[in-house]
Amino acid sequence: MGKIKMETGVVVMTLTATVYRGNIREIQSSRIGFCGEYNKEILSKMGAEFKKIFAGQIEAEYKAKSVKTDKIIYRVSTKSTECEMILNGK
């Protein structure tokens, strides 16, 4: 197995939930950002975990409101920008 290439930069993940209730569509989103070392595999795993947590929060919110939803669609978008020097000068 080869060495995994790590990139250094800034990453922003946008989590979006589209909630459908009859003819009404409600969109909620949240952003998570960090800087450091990462690779595609790490970002993919992080996105999946954040999506699970976000889904739990959205479902709990609608359950607490006693609102019946037809369906909820979750999306994760990841944007990254490579930087050579971050915080501690590495």
PDB file of N, CA and C in Angstrom:
ATOM      1  N   MET A   1       0.845  -1.175   0.000  1.00  0.00           N
ATOM      2  CA  MET A   1       0.000   0.000   0.000  1.00  0.00           C
ATOM      3  C   MET A   1       0.891   1.238   0.000  1.00  0.00           C
ATOM      4  N   GLY A   2       0.609   2.177  -0.909  1.00  0.00           N
ATOM      5  CA  GLY A   2       1.412   3.382  -1.027  1.00  0.00           C
ATOM      6  C   GLY A   2       1.094   4.403   0.042  1.00  0.00           C
ATOM      7  N   LYS A   3       1.978   5.362   0.125  1.00  0.00           N
ATOM      8  CA  LYS A   3       1.780   6.439   1.092  1.00  0.00           C
ATOM      9  C   LYS A   3       0.665   7.366   0.604  1.00  0.00           C
ATOM     10  N   ILE A   4      -0.216   7.754   1.507  1.00  0.00           N
ATOM     11  CA  ILE A   4      -1.325   8.637   1.173  1.00  0.00           C
ATOM     12  C   ILE A   4      -0.820  10.076   1.160  1.00  0.00           C
ATOM     13  N   LYS A   5      -1.096  10.779   0.056  1.00  0.00           N
ATOM     14  CA  LYS A   5      -0.654  12.171  -0.067  1.00  0.00           C
ATOM     15  C   LYS A   5      -1.594  13.074   0.717  1.00  0.00           C
ATOM     16  N   MET A   6      -1.037  13.795   1.650  1.00  0.00           N
ATOM     17  CA  MET A   6      -1.811  14.749   2.445  1.00  0.00           C
ATOM     18  C   MET A   6      -1.653  16.136   1.831  1.00  0.00           C
ATOM     19  N   GLU A   7      -2.737  16.889   1.844  1.00  0.00           N
ATOM     20  CA  GLU A   7      -2.714  18.265   1.367  1.00  0.00           C
ATOM     21  C   GLU A   7      -2.916  19.186   2.558  1.00  0.00           C
ATOM     22  N   THR A   8      -2.384  20.387   2.465  1.00  0.00           N
ATOM     23  CA  THR A   8      -2.550  21.379   3.520  1.00  0.00           C
ATOM     24  C   THR A   8      -3.400  22.507   2.968  1.00  0.00           C
ATOM     25  N   GLY A   9      -4.407  22.891   3.736  1.00  0.00           N
ATOM     26  CA  GLY A   9      -5.257  23.971   3.256  1.00  0.00           C
ATOM     27  C   GLY A   9      -6.441  24.245   4.157  1.00  0.00           C
ATOM     28  N   VAL A  10      -7.396  24.956   3.583  1.00  0.00           N
ATOM     29  CA  VAL A  10      -8.616  25.347   4.290  1.00  0.00           C
ATOM     30  C   VAL A  10      -9.777  24.587   3.663  1.00  0.00           C
ATOM     31  N   VAL A  11     -10.632  24.016   4.510  1.00  0.00           N
ATOM     32  CA  VAL A  11     -11.777  23.235   4.039  1.00  0.00           C
ATOM     33  C   VAL A  11     -13.056  23.802   4.647  1.00  0.00           C
ATOM     34  N   VAL A  12     -14.091  23.926   3.822  1.00  0.00           N
ATOM     35  CA  VAL A  12     -15.414  24.330   4.304  1.00  0.00           C
ATOM     36  C   VAL A  12     -16.414  23.289   3.829  1.00  0.00           C
ATOM     37  N   MET A  13     -17.143  22.693   4.775  1.00  0.00           N
ATOM     38  CA  MET A  13     -18.199  21.734   4.453  1.00  0.00           C
ATOM     39  C   MET A  13     -19.540  22.407   4.699  1.00  0.00           C
ATOM     40  N   THR A  14     -20.423  22.317   3.721  1.00  0.00           N
ATOM     41  CA  THR A  14     -21.770  22.870   3.852  1.00  0.00           C
ATOM     42  C   THR A  14     -22.750  21.711   3.902  1.00  0.00           C
ATOM     43  N   LEU A  15     -23.509  21.637   4.983  1.00  0.00           N
ATOM     44  CA  LEU A  15     -24.523  20.602   5.161  1.00  0.00           C
ATOM     45  C   LEU A  15     -25.879  21.238   4.878  1.00  0.00           C
ATOM     46  N   THR A  16     -26.672  20.603   4.027  1.00  0.00           N
ATOM     47  CA  THR A  16     -27.973  21.154   3.651  1.00  0.00           C
ATOM     48  C   THR A  16     -29.053  20.103   3.833  1.00  0.00           C
ATOM     49  N   ALA A  17     -30.163  20.511   4.440  1.00  0.00           N
ATOM     50  CA  ALA A  17     -31.332  19.642   4.580  1.00  0.00           C
ATOM     51  C   ALA A  17     -32.502  20.327   3.888  1.00  0.00           C
ATOM     52  N   THR A  18     -33.140  19.611   2.962  1.00  0.00           N
ATOM     53  CA  THR A  18     -34.345  20.114   2.307  1.00  0.00           C
ATOM     54  C   THR A  18     -35.509  19.302   2.849  1.00  0.00           C
ATOM     55  N   VAL A  19     -36.427  19.987   3.538  1.00  0.00           N
ATOM     56  CA  VAL A  19     -37.559  19.331   4.191  1.00  0.00           C
ATOM     57  C   VAL A  19     -38.812  19.609   3.369  1.00  0.00           C
ATOM     58  N   TYR A  20     -39.496  18.538   2.989  1.00  0.00           N
ATOM     59  CA  TYR A  20     -40.725  18.662   2.200  1.00  0.00           C
ATOM     60  C   TYR A  20     -41.927  18.354   3.081  1.00  0.00           C
ATOM     61  N   ARG A  21     -42.895  19.278   3.093  1.00  0.00           N
ATOM     62  CA  ARG A  21     -44.176  19.094   3.794  1.00  0.00           C
ATOM     63  C   ARG A  21     -45.276  19.522   2.835  1.00  0.00           C
ATOM     64  N   GLY A  22     -45.839  18.573   2.112  1.00  0.00           N
ATOM     65  CA  GLY A  22     -46.853  18.919   1.111  1.00  0.00           C
ATOM     66  C   GLY A  22     -46.249  19.807   0.041  1.00  0.00           C
ATOM     67  N   ASN A  23     -46.830  20.984  -0.172  1.00  0.00           N
ATOM     68  CA  ASN A  23     -46.330  21.932  -1.173  1.00  0.00           C
ATOM     69  C   ASN A  23     -45.246  22.851  -0.618  1.00  0.00           C
ATOM     70  N   ILE A  24     -44.915  22.697   0.642  1.00  0.00           N
ATOM     71  CA  ILE A  24     -43.939  23.571   1.296  1.00  0.00           C
ATOM     72  C   ILE A  24     -42.568  22.894   1.296  1.00  0.00           C
ATOM     73  N   ARG A  25     -41.552  23.670   0.919  1.00  0.00           N
ATOM     74  CA  ARG A  25     -40.172  23.181   0.952  1.00  0.00           C
ATOM     75  C   ARG A  25     -39.372  24.126   1.836  1.00  0.00           C
ATOM     76  N   GLU A  26     -38.738  23.574   2.858  1.00  0.00           N
ATOM     77  CA  GLU A  26     -37.940  24.375   3.790  1.00  0.00           C
ATOM     78  C   GLU A  26     -36.489  23.908   3.695  1.00  0.00           C
ATOM     79  N   ILE A  27     -35.573  24.855   3.571  1.00  0.00           N
ATOM     80  CA  ILE A  27     -34.156  24.510   3.440  1.00  0.00           C
ATOM     81  C   ILE A  27     -33.395  25.041   4.645  1.00  0.00           C
ATOM     82  N   GLN A  28     -32.611  24.153   5.262  1.00  0.00           N
ATOM     83  CA  GLN A  28     -31.756  24.541   6.384  1.00  0.00           C
ATOM     84  C   GLN A  28     -30.328  24.149   6.035  1.00  0.00           C
ATOM     85  N   SER A  29     -29.381  24.991   6.427  1.00  0.00           N
ATOM     86  CA  SER A  29     -27.986  24.657   6.144  1.00  0.00           C
ATOM     87  C   SER A  29     -27.093  25.051   7.309  1.00  0.00           C
ATOM     88  N   SER A  30     -25.932  24.414   7.326  1.00  0.00           N
ATOM     89  CA  SER A  30     -24.943  24.668   8.362  1.00  0.00           C
ATOM     90  C   SER A  30     -23.569  24.535   7.720  1.00  0.00           C
ATOM     91  N   ARG A  31     -22.609  25.319   8.195  1.00  0.00           N
ATOM     92  CA  ARG A  31     -21.248  25.257   7.654  1.00  0.00           C
ATOM     93  C   ARG A  31     -20.252  24.894   8.743  1.00  0.00           C
ATOM     94  N   ILE A  32     -19.272  24.106   8.334  1.00  0.00           N
ATOM     95  CA  ILE A  32     -18.181  23.712   9.223  1.00  0.00           C
ATOM     96  C   ILE A  32     -16.888  24.012   8.473  1.00  0.00           C
ATOM     97  N   GLY A  33     -15.964  24.692   9.113  1.00  0.00           N
ATOM     98  CA  GLY A  33     -14.708  25.020   8.459  1.00  0.00           C
ATOM     99  C   GLY A  33     -13.513  24.688   9.334  1.00  0.00           C
ATOM    100  N   PHE A  34     -12.413  24.334   8.701  1.00  0.00           N
ATOM    101  CA  PHE A  34     -11.177  24.077   9.438  1.00  0.00           C
ATOM    102  C   PHE A  34      -9.991  24.234   8.497  1.00  0.00           C
ATOM    103  N   CYS A  35      -8.815  24.329   9.081  1.00  0.00           N
ATOM    104  CA  CYS A  35      -7.602  24.352   8.279  1.00  0.00           C
ATOM    105  C   CYS A  35      -6.639  23.318   8.842  1.00  0.00           C
ATOM    106  N   GLY A  36      -5.841  22.759   7.971  1.00  0.00           N
ATOM    107  CA  GLY A  36      -4.890  21.743   8.394  1.00  0.00           C
ATOM    108  C   GLY A  36      -4.594  20.777   7.265  1.00  0.00           C
ATOM    109  N   GLU A  37      -4.160  19.571   7.621  1.00  0.00           N
ATOM    110  CA  GLU A  37      -3.836  18.554   6.626  1.00  0.00           C
ATOM    111  C   GLU A  37      -5.033  17.639   6.413  1.00  0.00           C
ATOM    112  N   TYR A  38      -5.238  17.238   5.170  1.00  0.00           N
ATOM    113  CA  TYR A  38      -6.372  16.383   4.827  1.00  0.00           C
ATOM    114  C   TYR A  38      -6.086  15.669   3.512  1.00  0.00           C
ATOM    115  N   ASN A  39      -6.907  14.678   3.206  1.00  0.00           N
ATOM    116  CA  ASN A  39      -6.930  14.057   1.888  1.00  0.00           C
ATOM    117  C   ASN A  39      -8.377  13.711   1.557  1.00  0.00           C
ATOM    118  N   LYS A  40      -8.642  13.244   0.347  1.00  0.00           N
ATOM    119  CA  LYS A  40     -10.023  12.994  -0.081  1.00  0.00           C
ATOM    120  C   LYS A  40     -10.706  11.953   0.791  1.00  0.00           C
ATOM    121  N   GLU A  41      -9.986  10.927   1.187  1.00  0.00           N
ATOM    122  CA  GLU A  41     -10.576   9.865   2.017  1.00  0.00           C
ATOM    123  C   GLU A  41     -11.020  10.418   3.372  1.00  0.00           C
ATOM    124  N   ILE A  42     -10.193  11.229   3.982  1.00  0.00           N
ATOM    125  CA  ILE A  42     -10.526  11.837   5.276  1.00  0.00           C
ATOM    126  C   ILE A  42     -11.748  12.745   5.126  1.00  0.00           C
ATOM    127  N   LEU A  43     -11.764  13.576   4.085  1.00  0.00           N
ATOM    128  CA  LEU A  43     -12.895  14.484   3.873  1.00  0.00           C
ATOM    129  C   LEU A  43     -14.189  13.715   3.625  1.00  0.00           C
ATOM    130  N   SER A  44     -14.091  12.615   2.913  1.00  0.00           N
ATOM    131  CA  SER A  44     -15.267  11.794   2.636  1.00  0.00           C
ATOM    132  C   SER A  44     -15.839  11.206   3.927  1.00  0.00           C
ATOM    133  N   LYS A  45     -14.958  10.675   4.780  1.00  0.00           N
ATOM    134  CA  LYS A  45     -15.397  10.103   6.064  1.00  0.00           C
ATOM    135  C   LYS A  45     -15.977  11.184   6.975  1.00  0.00           C
ATOM    136  N   MET A  46     -15.318  12.336   7.013  1.00  0.00           N
ATOM    137  CA  MET A  46     -15.814  13.438   7.842  1.00  0.00           C
ATOM    138  C   MET A  46     -17.185  13.895   7.358  1.00  0.00           C
ATOM    139  N   GLY A  47     -17.344  14.015   6.046  1.00  0.00           N
ATOM    140  CA  GLY A  47     -18.620  14.429   5.477  1.00  0.00           C
ATOM    141  C   GLY A  47     -19.739  13.472   5.849  1.00  0.00           C
ATOM    142  N   ALA A  48     -19.461  12.174   5.791  1.00  0.00           N
ATOM    143  CA  ALA A  48     -20.469  11.168   6.143  1.00  0.00           C
ATOM    144  C   ALA A  48     -20.849  11.269   7.620  1.00  0.00           C
ATOM    145  N   GLU A  49     -19.855  11.463   8.492  1.00  0.00           N
ATOM    146  CA  GLU A  49     -20.137  11.575   9.932  1.00  0.00           C
ATOM    147  C   GLU A  49     -20.915  12.851  10.256  1.00  0.00           C
ATOM    148  N   PHE A  50     -20.501  13.973   9.664  1.00  0.00           N
ATOM    149  CA  PHE A  50     -21.218  15.233   9.899  1.00  0.00           C
ATOM    150  C   PHE A  50     -22.653  15.149   9.380  1.00  0.00           C
ATOM    151  N   LYS A  51     -22.831  14.444   8.260  1.00  0.00           N
ATOM    152  CA  LYS A  51     -24.173  14.283   7.685  1.00  0.00           C
ATOM    153  C   LYS A  51     -25.080  13.510   8.649  1.00  0.00           C
ATOM    154  N   LYS A  52     -24.548  12.456   9.287  1.00  0.00           N
ATOM    155  CA  LYS A  52     -25.322  11.683  10.274  1.00  0.00           C
ATOM    156  C   LYS A  52     -25.727  12.558  11.460  1.00  0.00           C
ATOM    157  N   ILE A  53     -24.784  13.338  11.956  1.00  0.00           N
ATOM    158  CA  ILE A  53     -25.054  14.213  13.107  1.00  0.00           C
ATOM    159  C   ILE A  53     -26.091  15.272  12.731  1.00  0.00           C
ATOM    160  N   PHE A  54     -25.912  15.890  11.570  1.00  0.00           N
ATOM    161  CA  PHE A  54     -26.838  16.922  11.091  1.00  0.00           C
ATOM    162  C   PHE A  54     -28.242  16.336  10.904  1.00  0.00           C
ATOM    163  N   ALA A  55     -28.319  15.132  10.334  1.00  0.00           N
ATOM    164  CA  ALA A  55     -29.616  14.470  10.134  1.00  0.00           C
ATOM    165  C   ALA A  55     -30.303  14.233  11.476  1.00  0.00           C
ATOM    166  N   GLY A  56     -29.548  13.797  12.467  1.00  0.00           N
ATOM    167  CA  GLY A  56     -30.113  13.585  13.804  1.00  0.00           C
ATOM    168  C   GLY A  56     -30.663  14.872  14.397  1.00  0.00           C
ATOM    169  N   GLN A  57     -29.928  15.966  14.224  1.00  0.00           N
ATOM    170  CA  GLN A  57     -30.376  17.261  14.748  1.00  0.00           C
ATOM    171  C   GLN A  57     -31.650  17.742  14.054  1.00  0.00           C
ATOM    172  N   ILE A  58     -31.700  17.624  12.733  1.00  0.00           N
ATOM    173  CA  ILE A  58     -32.871  18.082  11.975  1.00  0.00           C
ATOM    174  C   ILE A  58     -34.094  17.242  12.336  1.00  0.00           C
ATOM    175  N   GLU A  59     -33.928  15.927  12.386  1.00  0.00           N
ATOM    176  CA  GLU A  59     -35.052  15.049  12.709  1.00  0.00           C
ATOM    177  C   GLU A  59     -35.558  15.295  14.119  1.00  0.00           C
ATOM    178  N   ALA A  60     -34.656  15.528  15.064  1.00  0.00           N
ATOM    179  CA  ALA A  60     -35.062  15.826  16.444  1.00  0.00           C
ATOM    180  C   ALA A  60     -35.817  17.151  16.504  1.00  0.00           C
ATOM    181  N   GLU A  61     -35.367  18.128  15.728  1.00  0.00           N
ATOM    182  CA  GLU A  61     -36.025  19.441  15.705  1.00  0.00           C
ATOM    183  C   GLU A  61     -37.472  19.317  15.216  1.00  0.00           C
ATOM    184  N   TYR A  62     -37.681  18.561  14.146  1.00  0.00           N
ATOM    185  CA  TYR A  62     -39.040  18.411  13.613  1.00  0.00           C
ATOM    186  C   TYR A  62     -39.902  17.516  14.500  1.00  0.00           C
ATOM    187  N   LYS A  63     -39.281  16.562  15.163  1.00  0.00           N
ATOM    188  CA  LYS A  63     -40.031  15.705  16.090  1.00  0.00           C
ATOM    189  C   LYS A  63     -40.509  16.532  17.284  1.00  0.00           C
ATOM    190  N   ALA A  64     -39.656  17.439  17.773  1.00  0.00           N
ATOM    191  CA  ALA A  64     -40.015  18.305  18.905  1.00  0.00           C
ATOM    192  C   ALA A  64     -41.142  19.266  18.524  1.00  0.00           C
ATOM    193  N   LYS A  65     -41.194  19.672  17.260  1.00  0.00           N
ATOM    194  CA  LYS A  65     -42.240  20.577  16.782  1.00  0.00           C
ATOM    195  C   LYS A  65     -43.549  19.840  16.504  1.00  0.00           C
ATOM    196  N   SER A  66     -43.524  18.518  16.536  1.00  0.00           N
ATOM    197  CA  SER A  66     -44.681  17.684  16.171  1.00  0.00           C
ATOM    198  C   SER A  66     -45.152  17.990  14.751  1.00  0.00           C
ATOM    199  N   VAL A  67     -44.200  18.175  13.861  1.00  0.00           N
ATOM    200  CA  VAL A  67     -44.510  18.467  12.463  1.00  0.00           C
ATOM    201  C   VAL A  67     -44.257  17.208  11.642  1.00  0.00           C
ATOM    202  N   LYS A  68     -45.229  16.827  10.846  1.00  0.00           N
ATOM    203  CA  LYS A  68     -45.101  15.649   9.983  1.00  0.00           C
ATOM    204  C   LYS A  68     -44.459  16.073   8.666  1.00  0.00           C
ATOM    205  N   THR A  69     -43.336  15.463   8.340  1.00  0.00           N
ATOM    206  CA  THR A  69     -42.653  15.781   7.086  1.00  0.00           C
ATOM    207  C   THR A  69     -42.892  14.657   6.085  1.00  0.00           C
ATOM    208  N   ASP A  70     -42.965  15.012   4.798  1.00  0.00           N
ATOM    209  CA  ASP A  70     -43.115  13.997   3.754  1.00  0.00           C
ATOM    210  C   ASP A  70     -41.782  13.312   3.486  1.00  0.00           C
ATOM    211  N   LYS A  71     -40.736  14.110   3.343  1.00  0.00           N
ATOM    212  CA  LYS A  71     -39.390  13.558   3.176  1.00  0.00           C
ATOM    213  C   LYS A  71     -38.361  14.636   3.479  1.00  0.00           C
ATOM    214  N   ILE A  72     -37.154  14.172   3.805  1.00  0.00           N
ATOM    215  CA  ILE A  72     -36.033  15.079   4.067  1.00  0.00           C
ATOM    216  C   ILE A  72     -34.849  14.583   3.244  1.00  0.00           C
ATOM    217  N   ILE A  73     -34.246  15.481   2.495  1.00  0.00           N
ATOM    218  CA  ILE A  73     -33.073  15.133   1.694  1.00  0.00           C
ATOM    219  C   ILE A  73     -31.869  15.877   2.263  1.00  0.00           C
ATOM    220  N   TYR A  74     -30.777  15.135   2.502  1.00  0.00           N
ATOM    221  CA  TYR A  74     -29.554  15.711   3.073  1.00  0.00           C
ATOM    222  C   TYR A  74     -28.456  15.734   2.017  1.00  0.00           C
ATOM    223  N   ARG A  75     -27.674  16.819   2.010  1.00  0.00           N
ATOM    224  CA  ARG A  75     -26.546  16.953   1.087  1.00  0.00           C
ATOM    225  C   ARG A  75     -25.328  17.492   1.840  1.00  0.00           C
ATOM    226  N   VAL A  76     -24.156  17.076   1.360  1.00  0.00           N
ATOM    227  CA  VAL A  76     -22.899  17.601   1.901  1.00  0.00           C
ATOM    228  C   VAL A  76     -22.075  18.103   0.724  1.00  0.00           C
ATOM    229  N   SER A  77     -21.608  19.338   0.822  1.00  0.00           N
ATOM    230  CA  SER A  77     -20.750  19.927  -0.199  1.00  0.00           C
ATOM    231  C   SER A  77     -19.428  20.295   0.469  1.00  0.00           C
ATOM    232  N   THR A  78     -18.323  19.893  -0.146  1.00  0.00           N
ATOM    233  CA  THR A  78     -17.000  20.169   0.420  1.00  0.00           C
ATOM    234  C   THR A  78     -16.181  21.007  -0.551  1.00  0.00           C
ATOM    235  N   LYS A  79     -15.679  22.121  -0.063  1.00  0.00           N
ATOM    236  CA  LYS A  79     -14.811  22.991  -0.860  1.00  0.00           C
ATOM    237  C   LYS A  79     -13.479  23.111  -0.125  1.00  0.00           C
ATOM    238  N   SER A  80     -12.390  22.957  -0.867  1.00  0.00           N
ATOM    239  CA  SER A  80     -11.076  23.078  -0.230  1.00  0.00           C
ATOM    240  C   SER A  80     -10.174  23.988  -1.056  1.00  0.00           C
ATOM    241  N   THR A  81      -9.304  24.677  -0.353  1.00  0.00           N
ATOM    242  CA  THR A  81      -8.316  25.549  -0.976  1.00  0.00           C
ATOM    243  C   THR A  81      -6.961  25.199  -0.394  1.00  0.00           C
ATOM    244  N   GLU A  82      -6.037  24.838  -1.256  1.00  0.00           N
ATOM    245  CA  GLU A  82      -4.705  24.477  -0.775  1.00  0.00           C
ATOM    246  C   GLU A  82      -3.910  25.721  -0.397  1.00  0.00           C
ATOM    247  N   CYS A  83      -3.184  25.615   0.700  1.00  0.00           N
ATOM    248  CA  CYS A  83      -2.299  26.686   1.166  1.00  0.00           C
ATOM    249  C   CYS A  83      -0.989  26.044   1.583  1.00  0.00           C
ATOM    250  N   GLU A  84       0.109  26.719   1.324  1.00  0.00           N
ATOM    251  CA  GLU A  84       1.399  26.168   1.714  1.00  0.00           C
ATOM    252  C   GLU A  84       1.753  26.491   3.154  1.00  0.00           C
ATOM    253  N   MET A  85       1.237  27.581   3.669  1.00  0.00           N
ATOM    254  CA  MET A  85       1.592  27.973   5.029  1.00  0.00           C
ATOM    255  C   MET A  85       0.329  28.243   5.834  1.00  0.00           C
ATOM    256  N   ILE A  86       0.173  27.518   6.923  1.00  0.00           N
ATOM    257  CA  ILE A  86      -1.018  27.681   7.760  1.00  0.00           C
ATOM    258  C   ILE A  86      -0.578  27.817   9.213  1.00  0.00           C
ATOM    259  N   LEU A  87      -1.096  28.797   9.890  1.00  0.00           N
ATOM    260  CA  LEU A  87      -0.939  29.036  11.321  1.00  0.00           C
ATOM    261  C   LEU A  87       0.482  28.948  11.849  1.00  0.00           C
ATOM    262  N   ASN A  88       0.999  27.734  12.030  1.00  0.00           N
ATOM    263  CA  ASN A  88       2.295  27.592  12.691  1.00  0.00           C
ATOM    264  C   ASN A  88       3.476  27.617  11.721  1.00  0.00           C
ATOM    265  N   GLY A  89       3.244  27.945  10.468  1.00  0.00           N
ATOM    266  CA  GLY A  89       4.337  28.108   9.519  1.00  0.00           C
ATOM    267  C   GLY A  89       4.861  26.837   8.902  1.00  0.00           C
ATOM    268  N   LYS A  90       4.149  25.716   9.027  1.00  0.00           N
ATOM    269  CA  LYS A  90       4.607  24.464   8.402  1.00  0.00           C
ATOM    270  C   LYS A  90       4.534  24.563   6.901  1.00  0.00           C
TER     271      LYS A  90
END
